[in-house]
Amino acid sequence: MKLRTIVLTLTVVLCLAGSAWAGQLKISDTQVHFGNMKEGPNAEKTVTLTNVSDSNAVVANVSTSCACTTTQLDKTELAPGETASMVITYHTFKYPGKFDKTVHVFTGADGKTEDVIHILGYVDPIPMGVMEVEPRKVDVGELAAGKTNTVPLKVANTGDAPMKVTAVKSQKFGKTYWQGEKTIPAGQSATLDLAVAPGGQGRFLDIVMIFSDARNDIGKGYKTVLLGTVK
């Protein structure tokens, strides 16, 4: 009997402790329509979160399904009946076309109670360059060990506007193989002379990132692979 009393008491204490975090949110709009937008400027919409429970509600985390979407919440803890405003920003630049993304709001003692907001709309694209290296695995042939080798890399712009290339960097070795400003007109290609200085002999394999203002480079570069032999 004494053991049962202790267990029941502990259960009640845990429930009371958890109830301080257990809240229920009412979201003013779970389908946010941005409408038609021109690519370039950011677009914002605001939704209201209301605590409709009789205990405090804590927003543990807010995540989005795409890097194109960010949020800003003016408060994370809501007393009963209290409201919070959340600004949802859609970054249209380099994210053209129809979109249906989600925002996930997590609450509860364990931070796992989830409310989902859908954001929808269409971004009208602006003219922009598009990077292409074909094939993506480039055979650079035989390289001399311990020396700087000139490796030509052909880059094409398959977009409908000029494209500016600014750097080619080694992801594997942390080196910069080429840096400058090379503007490639729409529908044309250009050759970049990479300065590659491999170390030891044997097989050469490197992942390089080509940085540009192309539509398919969202700040992380365009990936291609260099293959060859070092002698």
Foldseek 3Di string as FASTA:
>chain_A
DVVVVVVVVVVVVVVVVQQQFDWDKDKQAQEAEPAEAEADDKDKDKIKIFTQDQHKKFFPDKDKPDPQKDKDKPDGIAHHGGMIMMMIIGRRHLPFFWDWIKMWTFTGPVRHDIDIHIYTYGYDYDFFWAKDFPPLEAEQEEAEAQAWDWGKGKIATQTQAKKWWAFKAWPVPGGTQDGDIDIDGHPGMDIDTGTDHHHDWFKDKTKMFIDISGSPCPPPGDIGMYTYTYD
